[in-house]
Protein backbone atom coordinates (compact mmCIF):
# COMPACT_ATOMS: atom_id res chain seq x y z
CA UNK A 1 122.37 37.93 264.08
CA UNK A 2 118.98 38.53 262.53
CA UNK A 3 117.63 42.09 262.36
CA UNK A 4 114.30 42.53 260.65
CA UNK A 5 113.57 46.02 261.97
CA UNK A 6 114.52 48.54 259.29
CA UNK A 7 115.68 51.27 261.68
CA UNK A 8 117.91 48.81 263.52
CA UNK A 9 119.31 47.50 260.23
CA UNK A 10 120.21 51.02 259.10
CA UNK A 11 121.87 51.76 262.45
CA UNK A 12 123.79 48.47 262.41
CA UNK A 13 125.01 48.95 258.84
CA UNK A 14 126.09 52.53 259.60
CA UNK A 15 128.04 51.37 262.63
CA UNK A 16 129.59 48.59 260.56
CA UNK A 17 130.85 51.19 258.07
CA UNK A 18 132.22 53.37 260.87
CA UNK A 19 133.94 50.37 262.51
CA UNK A 20 135.53 49.66 259.11
CA UNK A 21 136.98 53.19 258.94
CA UNK A 22 134.36 54.64 256.59
CA UNK A 23 132.70 57.52 258.46
CA UNK A 24 131.43 59.20 255.27
CA UNK A 25 129.59 56.08 254.24
CA UNK A 26 128.34 55.70 257.80
CA UNK A 27 126.73 59.15 257.64
CA UNK A 28 125.13 58.42 254.27
CA UNK A 29 123.65 55.17 255.60
CA UNK A 30 122.36 56.81 258.79
CA UNK A 31 120.67 59.41 256.58
CA UNK A 32 118.67 56.69 254.86
CA UNK A 33 116.13 57.02 257.66
CA UNK A 34 115.36 60.45 256.22
CA UNK A 35 114.41 58.80 252.90
CA UNK A 36 111.68 56.90 254.70
CA UNK A 37 110.46 60.12 256.30
CA UNK A 38 110.53 61.95 252.96
CA UNK A 39 107.44 60.16 251.67
CA UNK A 40 109.10 58.73 248.54
CA UNK A 41 108.34 55.43 246.83
CA UNK A 42 111.85 54.31 247.72
CA UNK A 43 111.23 55.19 251.36
CA UNK A 44 107.90 53.37 251.41
CA UNK A 45 109.51 50.23 250.04
CA UNK A 46 112.29 50.48 252.60
CA UNK A 47 109.83 50.95 255.46
CA UNK A 48 107.86 47.89 254.39
CA UNK A 49 110.83 45.71 253.58
CA UNK A 50 109.86 42.04 253.90
CA UNK A 51 111.93 39.77 256.08
CA UNK A 52 115.51 40.33 257.11
CA UNK A 53 116.53 43.78 255.91
CA UNK A 54 120.08 43.33 257.21
CA UNK A 55 120.55 39.88 255.71
CA UNK A 56 119.39 41.37 252.41
CA UNK A 57 121.83 44.28 252.83
CA UNK A 58 118.97 46.66 252.12
CA UNK A 59 120.81 49.74 253.50
CA UNK A 60 123.77 49.02 251.23
CA UNK A 61 121.51 48.77 248.20
CA UNK A 62 120.30 52.32 248.81
CA UNK A 63 123.82 53.54 249.56
CA UNK A 64 124.94 52.18 246.19
CA UNK A 65 122.19 54.09 244.41
CA UNK A 66 123.09 57.35 246.14
CA UNK A 67 126.79 56.91 245.32
CA UNK A 68 125.88 56.14 241.69
CA UNK A 69 124.01 59.45 241.39
CA UNK A 70 127.13 61.20 242.68
CA UNK A 71 129.69 59.34 240.57
CA UNK A 72 127.74 59.81 237.34
CA UNK A 73 127.21 63.51 237.97
CA UNK A 74 123.44 63.14 237.98
CA UNK A 75 123.52 65.37 241.05
CA UNK A 76 126.22 67.30 242.88
CA UNK A 77 124.10 67.81 245.99
CA UNK A 78 125.96 65.11 247.93
CA UNK A 79 129.46 66.19 246.83
CA UNK A 80 130.17 68.03 250.13
CA UNK A 81 129.17 64.92 252.07
CA UNK A 82 131.32 62.56 250.00
CA UNK A 83 134.21 65.04 250.27
CA UNK A 84 133.93 64.98 254.06
CA UNK A 85 133.12 68.69 254.19
CA UNK A 86 129.63 68.22 255.66
CA UNK A 87 129.78 66.02 258.74
CA UNK A 88 126.78 67.17 260.81
CA UNK A 89 124.31 64.29 260.66
CA UNK A 90 121.25 66.53 260.52
CA UNK A 91 122.70 68.35 257.51
CA UNK A 92 123.52 65.05 255.81
CA UNK A 93 119.99 63.83 256.50
CA UNK A 94 118.52 66.89 254.81
CA UNK A 95 120.74 66.56 251.74
CA UNK A 96 120.02 62.85 251.32
CA UNK A 97 116.28 63.41 251.73
CA UNK A 98 116.38 66.09 249.03
CA UNK A 99 118.23 63.82 246.61
CA UNK A 100 115.81 60.98 247.36
CA UNK A 101 112.86 63.19 246.48
CA UNK A 102 114.47 64.46 243.29
CA UNK A 103 115.67 61.04 242.08
CA UNK A 104 113.06 58.71 243.54
CA UNK A 105 112.51 56.87 240.24
CA UNK A 106 116.25 56.30 239.82
CA UNK A 107 116.83 55.09 243.38
CA UNK A 108 113.88 52.71 243.52
CA UNK A 109 115.35 49.98 241.23
CA UNK A 110 118.51 49.82 243.36
CA UNK A 111 116.40 47.93 245.90
CA UNK A 112 115.77 45.12 243.42
CA UNK A 113 118.98 43.19 244.09
CA UNK A 114 121.78 42.82 246.63
CA UNK A 115 124.93 44.92 246.36
CA UNK A 116 127.82 43.65 244.31
CA UNK A 117 130.85 44.26 246.50
CA UNK A 118 133.53 42.47 244.53
CA UNK A 119 136.88 43.43 246.04
CA UNK A 120 140.38 42.24 245.13
CA UNK A 121 141.66 43.07 248.61
CA UNK A 122 139.68 40.19 250.09
CA UNK A 123 141.76 37.74 248.07
CA UNK A 124 144.63 38.43 250.51
CA UNK A 125 142.79 36.28 253.05
CA UNK A 126 142.12 33.60 250.43
CA UNK A 127 145.78 33.50 249.44
CA UNK A 128 146.85 33.32 253.09
CA UNK A 129 144.47 30.40 253.49
CA UNK A 130 146.03 28.65 250.50
CA UNK A 131 149.49 29.13 252.00
CA UNK A 132 148.25 27.54 255.23
CA UNK A 133 146.58 24.69 253.35
CA UNK A 134 149.71 24.02 251.31
CA UNK A 135 151.40 22.68 254.47
CA UNK A 136 148.87 19.86 254.76
CA UNK A 137 147.61 19.16 251.23
CA UNK A 138 148.86 19.36 247.67
CA UNK A 139 150.09 22.93 246.98
CA UNK A 140 148.59 22.80 243.49
CA UNK A 141 145.08 24.19 243.59
CA UNK A 142 141.94 24.09 241.49
CA UNK A 143 139.74 26.92 242.77
CA UNK A 144 135.95 27.17 242.62
CA UNK A 145 134.31 30.45 243.62
CA UNK A 146 130.61 30.98 244.27
CA UNK A 147 129.04 34.43 244.42
CA UNK A 148 131.91 35.64 242.28
CA UNK A 149 130.13 38.83 241.17
CA UNK A 150 132.40 40.27 238.45
CA UNK A 151 135.01 37.55 238.91
CA UNK A 152 137.63 39.89 240.38
CA UNK A 153 138.85 37.25 242.83
CA UNK A 154 138.78 34.54 240.18
CA UNK A 155 141.66 36.51 238.65
CA UNK A 156 143.75 36.17 241.84
CA UNK A 157 146.35 33.98 240.13
CA UNK A 158 147.28 37.12 238.17
CA UNK A 159 147.87 39.21 241.31
CA UNK A 160 150.96 39.68 243.45
CA UNK A 161 150.81 39.51 247.25
CA UNK A 162 152.91 40.69 250.18
CA UNK A 163 151.37 39.13 253.28
CA UNK A 164 153.39 40.17 256.29
CA UNK A 165 156.59 39.84 254.30
CA UNK A 166 155.59 36.56 252.66
CA UNK A 167 155.55 37.26 248.93
CA UNK A 168 153.64 35.07 246.54
CA UNK A 169 151.99 35.37 243.15
CA UNK A 170 152.80 37.48 240.12
CA UNK A 171 155.55 39.92 241.08
CA UNK A 172 155.11 41.92 237.86
CA UNK A 173 151.33 42.25 238.10
CA UNK A 174 149.75 45.74 238.13
CA UNK A 175 147.55 44.39 240.96
CA UNK A 176 149.69 44.17 244.07
CA UNK A 177 147.78 43.26 247.24
CA UNK A 178 149.66 44.47 250.34
CA UNK A 179 147.35 44.62 253.36
CA UNK A 180 148.47 45.87 256.74
CA UNK A 181 149.52 42.62 258.39
CA UNK A 182 148.87 42.04 262.07
CA UNK A 183 150.34 39.12 263.96
CA UNK A 184 152.71 36.52 262.62
CA UNK A 185 153.02 36.07 258.85
CA UNK A 186 151.32 33.12 257.20
CA UNK A 187 153.44 30.10 256.24
CA UNK A 188 155.65 30.67 253.23
CA UNK A 189 155.88 28.24 250.38
CA UNK A 190 154.74 27.56 246.84
CA UNK A 191 151.14 28.08 245.77
CA UNK A 192 150.34 26.91 242.27
CA UNK A 193 146.85 27.90 241.11
CA UNK A 194 146.23 25.83 238.01
CA UNK A 195 142.63 26.94 237.41
CA UNK A 196 139.91 29.20 238.82
CA UNK A 197 136.26 29.02 237.85
CA UNK A 198 133.49 31.21 239.25
CA UNK A 199 129.75 31.59 239.19
CA UNK A 200 127.20 34.19 240.16
CA UNK A 201 123.44 34.32 239.92
CA UNK A 202 123.80 37.76 238.27
CA UNK A 203 127.39 38.15 237.08
CA UNK A 204 128.83 41.56 236.28
CA UNK A 205 130.74 42.10 233.03
CA UNK A 206 133.73 44.30 233.85
CA UNK A 207 134.26 45.00 230.15
CA UNK A 208 130.83 46.70 229.93
CA UNK A 209 131.28 50.36 231.02
CA UNK A 210 127.74 50.60 232.40
CA UNK A 211 128.11 47.46 234.51
CA UNK A 212 131.56 48.50 235.68
CA UNK A 213 130.18 51.89 236.74
CA UNK A 214 127.45 50.20 238.75
CA UNK A 215 130.04 48.05 240.51
CA UNK A 216 132.04 51.17 241.37
CA UNK A 217 128.94 52.69 242.96
CA UNK A 218 128.99 49.98 245.61
CA UNK A 219 132.53 50.95 246.64
CA UNK A 220 132.39 53.09 249.76
CA UNK A 221 133.39 56.69 249.08
CA UNK A 222 136.02 56.56 251.85
CA UNK A 223 137.84 53.72 250.09
CA UNK A 224 140.01 55.47 247.49
CA UNK A 225 142.42 52.51 247.32
CA UNK A 226 139.52 50.21 246.49
CA UNK A 227 138.51 52.43 243.60
CA UNK A 228 142.08 52.30 242.27
CA UNK A 229 142.12 48.49 242.54
CA UNK A 230 138.81 48.35 240.70
CA UNK A 231 140.31 50.26 237.79
CA UNK A 232 143.20 47.75 237.65
CA UNK A 233 140.76 44.82 237.79
CA UNK A 234 138.76 46.30 234.93
CA UNK A 235 141.93 46.61 232.84
CA UNK A 236 142.91 43.00 233.62
CA UNK A 237 139.44 41.79 232.63
CA UNK A 238 139.74 43.60 229.31
CA UNK A 239 143.06 41.80 228.74
CA UNK A 240 141.60 38.38 229.66
CA UNK A 241 138.07 37.82 230.87
CA UNK A 242 137.67 35.87 234.12
CA UNK A 243 136.22 32.35 233.81
CA UNK A 244 132.75 33.21 235.08
CA UNK A 245 129.31 31.75 234.41
CA UNK A 246 125.76 32.69 235.37
CA UNK A 247 124.53 29.87 237.57
CA UNK A 248 122.92 29.03 240.88
CA UNK A 249 125.58 28.47 243.56
CA UNK A 250 124.39 25.00 244.58
CA UNK A 251 124.08 23.83 240.99
CA UNK A 252 127.57 25.14 240.23
CA UNK A 253 129.08 23.41 243.25
CA UNK A 254 127.39 20.16 242.24
CA UNK A 255 128.72 20.50 238.69
CA UNK A 256 132.27 21.26 239.78
CA UNK A 257 132.42 18.53 242.42
CA UNK A 258 131.25 16.00 239.82
CA UNK A 259 134.00 16.95 237.37
CA UNK A 260 137.16 14.82 237.20
CA UNK A 261 139.87 15.92 239.63
CA UNK A 262 143.50 15.49 238.68
CA UNK A 263 145.79 13.59 241.00
CA UNK A 264 148.07 15.86 243.00
CA UNK A 265 145.64 18.80 242.87
CA UNK A 266 143.60 20.14 245.79
CA UNK A 267 140.08 21.23 244.88
CA UNK A 268 139.07 24.33 246.86
CA UNK A 269 135.64 25.92 247.18
CA UNK A 270 135.92 29.54 248.30
CA UNK A 271 133.70 32.56 248.72
CA UNK A 272 133.97 36.05 250.15
CA UNK A 273 131.10 37.99 251.74
CA UNK A 274 128.26 36.28 249.90
CA UNK A 275 127.03 33.46 252.14
CA UNK A 276 124.48 35.73 253.83
CA UNK A 277 122.70 36.32 250.51
CA UNK A 278 122.01 32.64 249.85
CA UNK A 279 118.68 31.05 250.77
CA UNK A 280 118.85 28.64 253.71
CA UNK A 281 118.06 25.74 251.40
CA UNK A 282 121.00 26.59 249.14
CA UNK A 283 123.38 26.84 252.09
CA UNK A 284 122.19 23.47 253.39
CA UNK A 285 122.60 21.85 249.97
CA UNK A 286 126.18 23.12 249.61
CA UNK A 287 127.10 21.96 253.13
CA UNK A 288 125.75 18.49 252.38
CA UNK A 289 127.57 18.28 249.04
CA UNK A 290 130.86 19.37 250.58
CA UNK A 291 130.58 16.87 253.44
CA UNK A 292 129.77 14.05 251.01
CA UNK A 293 132.61 15.05 248.66
CA UNK A 294 134.91 15.37 251.67
CA UNK A 295 134.15 11.81 252.69
CA UNK A 296 135.35 10.70 249.25
CA UNK A 297 138.49 12.86 249.28
CA UNK A 298 141.89 11.18 249.31
CA UNK A 299 145.45 12.27 249.99
CA UNK A 300 145.99 12.29 246.22
CA UNK A 301 142.79 14.31 245.58
CA UNK A 302 142.09 16.50 248.62
CA UNK A 303 139.19 18.90 249.08
CA UNK A 304 139.06 22.19 251.01
CA UNK A 305 136.58 24.93 251.83
CA UNK A 306 137.84 28.48 252.41
CA UNK A 307 135.39 31.13 253.63
CA UNK A 308 135.83 34.86 254.19
CA UNK A 309 132.55 35.88 255.76
CA UNK A 310 131.21 38.45 258.22
CA UNK A 311 131.07 37.91 261.96
CA UNK A 312 128.18 40.21 262.83
CA UNK A 313 129.29 40.51 266.44
CA UNK A 314 132.86 41.69 265.86
CA UNK A 315 132.13 43.58 262.60
CA UNK A 316 135.08 41.73 261.10
CA UNK A 317 135.43 39.16 258.42
CA UNK A 318 136.76 35.79 259.42
CA UNK A 319 138.87 33.46 257.31
CA UNK A 320 137.96 29.88 258.10
CA UNK A 321 139.07 26.65 256.47
CA UNK A 322 138.12 23.01 256.51
CA UNK A 323 139.78 20.26 254.51
CA UNK A 324 139.48 16.57 253.74
CA UNK A 325 140.95 14.10 254.39
CA UNK A 326 142.37 15.40 257.62
CA UNK A 327 140.94 18.20 259.71
CA UNK A 328 137.29 17.63 260.49
CA UNK A 329 136.77 20.86 262.41
CA UNK A 330 136.63 24.34 260.94
CA UNK A 331 139.81 26.28 261.70
CA UNK A 332 139.73 30.06 262.24
CA UNK A 333 142.85 31.38 260.53
CA UNK A 334 142.42 35.15 260.47
CA UNK A 335 140.25 38.17 261.03
CA UNK A 336 140.22 40.83 258.35
CA UNK A 337 139.00 44.26 257.42
CA UNK A 338 135.79 44.03 255.35
CA UNK A 339 137.63 45.15 252.22
CA UNK A 340 141.05 43.68 252.94
CA UNK A 341 142.85 46.77 254.29
CA UNK A 342 144.30 44.68 257.11
CA UNK A 343 144.53 41.04 258.12
CA UNK A 344 145.12 39.74 261.65
CA UNK A 345 146.67 36.29 261.37
CA UNK A 346 145.55 33.76 263.97
CA UNK A 347 146.58 30.54 262.26
């Protein structure tokens, strides 16, 4: 779905937050219309946003800036809104407009780049996909992640999971991912992740307090569990940095697909909630490379593609998988909450 109209994009993004159980964030996003009306530089740039404002996640960029002002204590004006004490939309609009006028110069740069919404909870869907794949291909996996942001999901081999009663991963890890599971559990069995490499066009360093704080600003205020997981991820990154490089997604995929692949190891490309940010040309290049690499895949050296991306009609994220040699069609395995709070297994 393509929405270029700014007002429609704000309304859609607010509804998306509400559908995801984040009414506070929904109110903040709806109030962004008041920033445009406030006559600020930020509002003028929003009103004249070029192209697809929803594809660019423009409303979420502004929401991140507003949350940053609150988290850093730059202003306490929005504290009653983030605490859920002020729920009247007109009152929220007025408060957000006031903050936008007072902090116009601080908010404006938040429009320069897409939000970084790295979230460990989304790796529950990835792990479930690996369990499903393990039935058909080698259960030893070499993972490649594009759009890895801070590399939180490239650390998934260090996490423990309880997926509908199926337990896998590091049982003693401080990061335990236990989403509400709907439907049948995924297949149980061994999953051996031997390596994970990630790339991002603008990677975030979790060991840098300023960068970590910025990443926290993109966490929706309603999501207290997400904030707690972020703190654990930061601690794990301090203990051992994720294997993450700054690189264009297509160039990284080309590099990784060209590297030698060990026999008895399945190479898996995966990504979570980033595909929409890629240029059409980059998407097309990655599709072509994966199809060509898939045609060369063998039983001894399989290839798979796991995606956790947004269905803009259902407001849910869908876990899909394709692998070679074997299945030629994309399989829909699950629907999930945007930040991994629940997973509905369909596979």
